[in-house]
Structures are given as structure tokens and as C-alpha cells.
Amino acid sequence: MIVKVRFFASLREAVGLEQESITLPAGATIESLVQALADKHQGLEAHLRARGVRFAVNRCYALPDTGLKDGDEVAFVPPVGGG
């Protein structure tokens, strides 16, 4: 299956891309997507596993064990500071 991945803020800077498509096996979860991206982009794993990174599937927040389907859009949203 193919999922579209969107990166925001520091994650976008770490990867050098705003978005990309990635092929995953059937039954993949957000956690397996994280591993596939960490294998593909050196240094990304530390950012993805940082406390506070949230995941969204098709614009709804999701947990790492959430299953994915062909055509899903997965966003990786790092913590945002400000005031």
C-alpha cells in the first residue's frame, strides 16, 4: 500500500521535504511507518521518537498502533511552543 506522509516544522527541516509517499506492507501501523522513515532518513528517528510528536491519519489524531490503509495521509506534528 502507499501512504502520503506530511512533515511539519522541525521534522520538515530534518527530512528536507514537506511530504513524500512511501510504500508499506499490508497491515502496517504508524509505528511501522515511523521505522520505515527512520531507516530511509538518517537522523530522523530521534526527531520522530521525541516526546510530544503527535500523529494524525487523514486529519484525525491517532496513536502509534493505529492501522493504515492504502491512500491514507499521515502527518507528523512536532510539539509547538510559543505564547
N, C-alpha and C. Protein backbone atom coordinates (compact mmCIF):
# COMPACT_ATOMS: atom_id res chain seq x y z
N MET A 1 0.83 -1.17 0.00
CA MET A 1 0.00 0.00 0.00
C MET A 1 0.88 1.23 0.00
N ILE A 2 0.33 2.34 -0.45
CA ILE A 2 1.06 3.60 -0.49
C ILE A 2 0.36 4.61 0.41
N VAL A 3 1.13 5.24 1.30
CA VAL A 3 0.59 6.30 2.14
C VAL A 3 1.38 7.58 1.88
N LYS A 4 0.69 8.69 2.03
CA LYS A 4 1.31 10.00 1.88
C LYS A 4 1.70 10.49 3.27
N VAL A 5 2.92 10.95 3.42
CA VAL A 5 3.42 11.43 4.71
C VAL A 5 3.68 12.92 4.60
N ARG A 6 3.21 13.66 5.60
CA ARG A 6 3.45 15.11 5.66
C ARG A 6 4.28 15.41 6.90
N PHE A 7 5.27 16.27 6.71
CA PHE A 7 6.16 16.66 7.80
C PHE A 7 5.97 18.14 8.09
N PHE A 8 6.00 18.50 9.37
CA PHE A 8 5.83 19.88 9.77
C PHE A 8 7.00 20.35 10.63
N ALA A 9 7.29 21.64 10.56
CA ALA A 9 8.26 22.33 11.41
C ALA A 9 9.61 21.63 11.42
N SER A 10 10.13 21.28 12.60
CA SER A 10 11.48 20.70 12.70
C SER A 10 11.59 19.37 11.96
N LEU A 11 10.51 18.63 11.86
CA LEU A 11 10.56 17.36 11.12
C LEU A 11 10.76 17.62 9.63
N ARG A 12 10.10 18.66 9.12
CA ARG A 12 10.28 19.03 7.71
C ARG A 12 11.74 19.42 7.47
N GLU A 13 12.31 20.16 8.41
CA GLU A 13 13.71 20.57 8.27
C GLU A 13 14.65 19.36 8.34
N ALA A 14 14.36 18.41 9.20
CA ALA A 14 15.21 17.23 9.35
C ALA A 14 15.23 16.38 8.09
N VAL A 15 14.08 16.27 7.43
CA VAL A 15 13.95 15.43 6.23
C VAL A 15 14.30 16.20 4.97
N GLY A 16 14.02 17.51 4.98
CA GLY A 16 14.24 18.30 3.78
C GLY A 16 13.09 18.22 2.80
N LEU A 17 11.97 17.69 3.28
CA LEU A 17 10.77 17.55 2.44
C LEU A 17 9.54 17.97 3.24
N GLU A 18 8.55 18.49 2.52
CA GLU A 18 7.27 18.78 3.16
C GLU A 18 6.40 17.53 3.17
N GLN A 19 6.52 16.72 2.13
CA GLN A 19 5.74 15.49 2.04
C GLN A 19 6.43 14.49 1.14
N GLU A 20 6.04 13.24 1.30
CA GLU A 20 6.52 12.17 0.43
C GLU A 20 5.54 11.01 0.50
N SER A 21 5.60 10.15 -0.49
CA SER A 21 4.81 8.92 -0.49
C SER A 21 5.74 7.77 -0.20
N ILE A 22 5.22 6.79 0.53
CA ILE A 22 6.04 5.63 0.89
C ILE A 22 5.20 4.37 0.77
N THR A 23 5.82 3.31 0.31
CA THR A 23 5.15 2.02 0.17
C THR A 23 5.39 1.20 1.42
N LEU A 24 4.30 0.66 1.97
CA LEU A 24 4.35 -0.17 3.18
C LEU A 24 3.62 -1.48 2.92
N PRO A 25 3.94 -2.51 3.69
CA PRO A 25 3.21 -3.77 3.55
C PRO A 25 1.80 -3.66 4.13
N ALA A 26 0.92 -4.52 3.68
CA ALA A 26 -0.43 -4.58 4.25
C ALA A 26 -0.32 -4.82 5.75
N GLY A 27 -1.21 -4.21 6.51
CA GLY A 27 -1.21 -4.38 7.96
C GLY A 27 -0.27 -3.43 8.68
N ALA A 28 0.33 -2.49 7.95
CA ALA A 28 1.26 -1.55 8.57
C ALA A 28 0.53 -0.62 9.54
N THR A 29 1.27 -0.17 10.53
CA THR A 29 0.76 0.78 11.53
C THR A 29 1.61 2.05 11.46
N ILE A 30 1.20 3.05 12.23
CA ILE A 30 2.02 4.26 12.32
C ILE A 30 3.41 3.89 12.83
N GLU A 31 3.49 3.00 13.80
CA GLU A 31 4.79 2.60 14.34
C GLU A 31 5.69 1.99 13.26
N SER A 32 5.13 1.16 12.40
CA SER A 32 5.96 0.59 11.33
C SER A 32 6.32 1.65 10.29
N LEU A 33 5.46 2.63 10.09
CA LEU A 33 5.78 3.75 9.22
C LEU A 33 6.94 4.55 9.81
N VAL A 34 6.90 4.81 11.11
CA VAL A 34 7.99 5.51 11.79
C VAL A 34 9.31 4.78 11.54
N GLN A 35 9.32 3.48 11.69
CA GLN A 35 10.54 2.70 11.49
C GLN A 35 11.02 2.79 10.04
N ALA A 36 10.09 2.68 9.09
CA ALA A 36 10.46 2.77 7.68
C ALA A 36 11.06 4.13 7.35
N LEU A 37 10.48 5.19 7.91
CA LEU A 37 11.02 6.53 7.67
C LEU A 37 12.36 6.73 8.35
N ALA A 38 12.53 6.17 9.54
CA ALA A 38 13.80 6.27 10.25
C ALA A 38 14.90 5.55 9.48
N ASP A 39 14.56 4.42 8.86
CA ASP A 39 15.53 3.69 8.04
C ASP A 39 15.90 4.47 6.78
N LYS A 40 14.94 5.21 6.25
CA LYS A 40 15.13 5.94 5.00
C LYS A 40 15.87 7.26 5.18
N HIS A 41 15.59 7.96 6.28
CA HIS A 41 16.15 9.30 6.52
C HIS A 41 17.04 9.28 7.76
N GLN A 42 18.34 9.28 7.52
CA GLN A 42 19.29 9.25 8.63
C GLN A 42 19.07 10.44 9.57
N GLY A 43 19.04 10.16 10.86
CA GLY A 43 18.87 11.20 11.87
C GLY A 43 17.43 11.55 12.18
N LEU A 44 16.49 11.02 11.42
CA LEU A 44 15.08 11.36 11.64
C LEU A 44 14.50 10.67 12.87
N GLU A 45 15.00 9.48 13.18
CA GLU A 45 14.42 8.69 14.28
C GLU A 45 14.40 9.48 15.59
N ALA A 46 15.45 10.19 15.90
CA ALA A 46 15.50 10.96 17.15
C ALA A 46 14.38 12.00 17.18
N HIS A 47 14.10 12.62 16.04
CA HIS A 47 13.02 13.60 15.98
C HIS A 47 11.65 12.93 16.11
N LEU A 48 11.47 11.80 15.44
CA LEU A 48 10.17 11.13 15.46
C LEU A 48 9.83 10.53 16.81
N ARG A 49 10.87 10.09 17.53
CA ARG A 49 10.62 9.47 18.82
C ARG A 49 10.67 10.48 19.98
N ALA A 50 10.89 11.74 19.64
CA ALA A 50 10.93 12.78 20.67
C ALA A 50 9.57 12.88 21.36
N ARG A 51 9.64 13.14 22.64
CA ARG A 51 8.40 13.28 23.41
C ARG A 51 7.57 14.43 22.83
N GLY A 52 6.32 14.17 22.63
CA GLY A 52 5.42 15.21 22.16
C GLY A 52 5.08 15.17 20.69
N VAL A 53 5.77 14.36 19.89
CA VAL A 53 5.40 14.26 18.48
C VAL A 53 4.05 13.57 18.39
N ARG A 54 3.14 14.19 17.68
CA ARG A 54 1.79 13.63 17.52
C ARG A 54 1.64 13.13 16.09
N PHE A 55 0.72 12.21 15.90
CA PHE A 55 0.45 11.63 14.59
C PHE A 55 -1.01 11.90 14.25
N ALA A 56 -1.27 12.14 12.98
CA ALA A 56 -2.64 12.30 12.51
C ALA A 56 -2.80 11.47 11.24
N VAL A 57 -3.89 10.74 11.16
CA VAL A 57 -4.22 9.97 9.96
C VAL A 57 -5.48 10.59 9.38
N ASN A 58 -5.37 11.06 8.15
CA ASN A 58 -6.49 11.72 7.48
C ASN A 58 -7.08 12.83 8.35
N ARG A 59 -6.20 13.61 8.96
CA ARG A 59 -6.52 14.80 9.76
C ARG A 59 -7.18 14.52 11.10
N CYS A 60 -7.09 13.29 11.57
CA CYS A 60 -7.58 12.93 12.91
C CYS A 60 -6.40 12.36 13.70
N TYR A 61 -6.20 12.89 14.91
CA TYR A 61 -5.07 12.40 15.72
C TYR A 61 -5.19 10.90 15.95
N ALA A 62 -4.05 10.24 15.97
CA ALA A 62 -4.02 8.77 16.07
C ALA A 62 -2.84 8.34 16.94
N LEU A 63 -2.93 7.12 17.44
CA LEU A 63 -1.89 6.52 18.27
C LEU A 63 -0.93 5.69 17.40
N PRO A 64 0.28 5.41 17.91
CA PRO A 64 1.26 4.65 17.12
C PRO A 64 0.78 3.28 16.64
N ASP A 65 -0.14 2.66 17.36
CA ASP A 65 -0.61 1.33 16.94
C ASP A 65 -1.78 1.39 15.96
N THR A 66 -2.13 2.58 15.49
CA THR A 66 -3.22 2.73 14.53
C THR A 66 -2.84 2.09 13.20
N GLY A 67 -3.73 1.26 12.67
CA GLY A 67 -3.51 0.63 11.38
C GLY A 67 -3.69 1.61 10.24
N LEU A 68 -2.96 1.38 9.17
CA LEU A 68 -3.02 2.25 8.00
C LEU A 68 -3.62 1.52 6.81
N LYS A 69 -4.21 2.31 5.89
CA LYS A 69 -4.79 1.77 4.67
C LYS A 69 -4.18 2.47 3.47
N ASP A 70 -4.26 1.82 2.34
CA ASP A 70 -3.78 2.42 1.10
C ASP A 70 -4.44 3.78 0.90
N GLY A 71 -3.63 4.79 0.59
CA GLY A 71 -4.15 6.12 0.31
C GLY A 71 -4.26 7.03 1.52
N ASP A 72 -3.97 6.51 2.72
CA ASP A 72 -4.03 7.36 3.92
C ASP A 72 -3.00 8.48 3.83
N GLU A 73 -3.33 9.59 4.48
CA GLU A 73 -2.38 10.68 4.67
C GLU A 73 -2.01 10.70 6.15
N VAL A 74 -0.72 10.60 6.43
CA VAL A 74 -0.23 10.58 7.81
C VAL A 74 0.62 11.82 8.03
N ALA A 75 0.25 12.60 9.05
CA ALA A 75 1.01 13.80 9.38
C ALA A 75 1.78 13.56 10.67
N PHE A 76 3.01 14.04 10.69
CA PHE A 76 3.85 14.00 11.88
C PHE A 76 3.95 15.44 12.37
N VAL A 77 3.42 15.67 13.59
CA VAL A 77 3.33 17.03 14.10
C VAL A 77 4.17 17.13 15.37
N PRO A 78 5.30 17.86 15.30
CA PRO A 78 6.13 18.02 16.49
C PRO A 78 5.49 18.99 17.48
N PRO A 79 5.97 19.01 18.72
CA PRO A 79 5.43 19.97 19.69
C PRO A 79 5.67 21.40 19.19
N VAL A 80 4.72 22.25 19.50
CA VAL A 80 4.82 23.64 19.09
C VAL A 80 4.87 24.50 20.33
N GLY A 81 5.83 25.38 20.39
CA GLY A 81 5.96 26.29 21.54
C GLY A 81 5.55 27.69 21.13
N GLY A 82 5.37 28.49 22.10
CA GLY A 82 5.01 29.88 21.82
C GLY A 82 4.21 30.44 22.95
N GLY A 83 3.78 31.62 22.78
CA GLY A 83 2.99 32.21 23.85
C GLY A 83 2.40 33.52 23.46
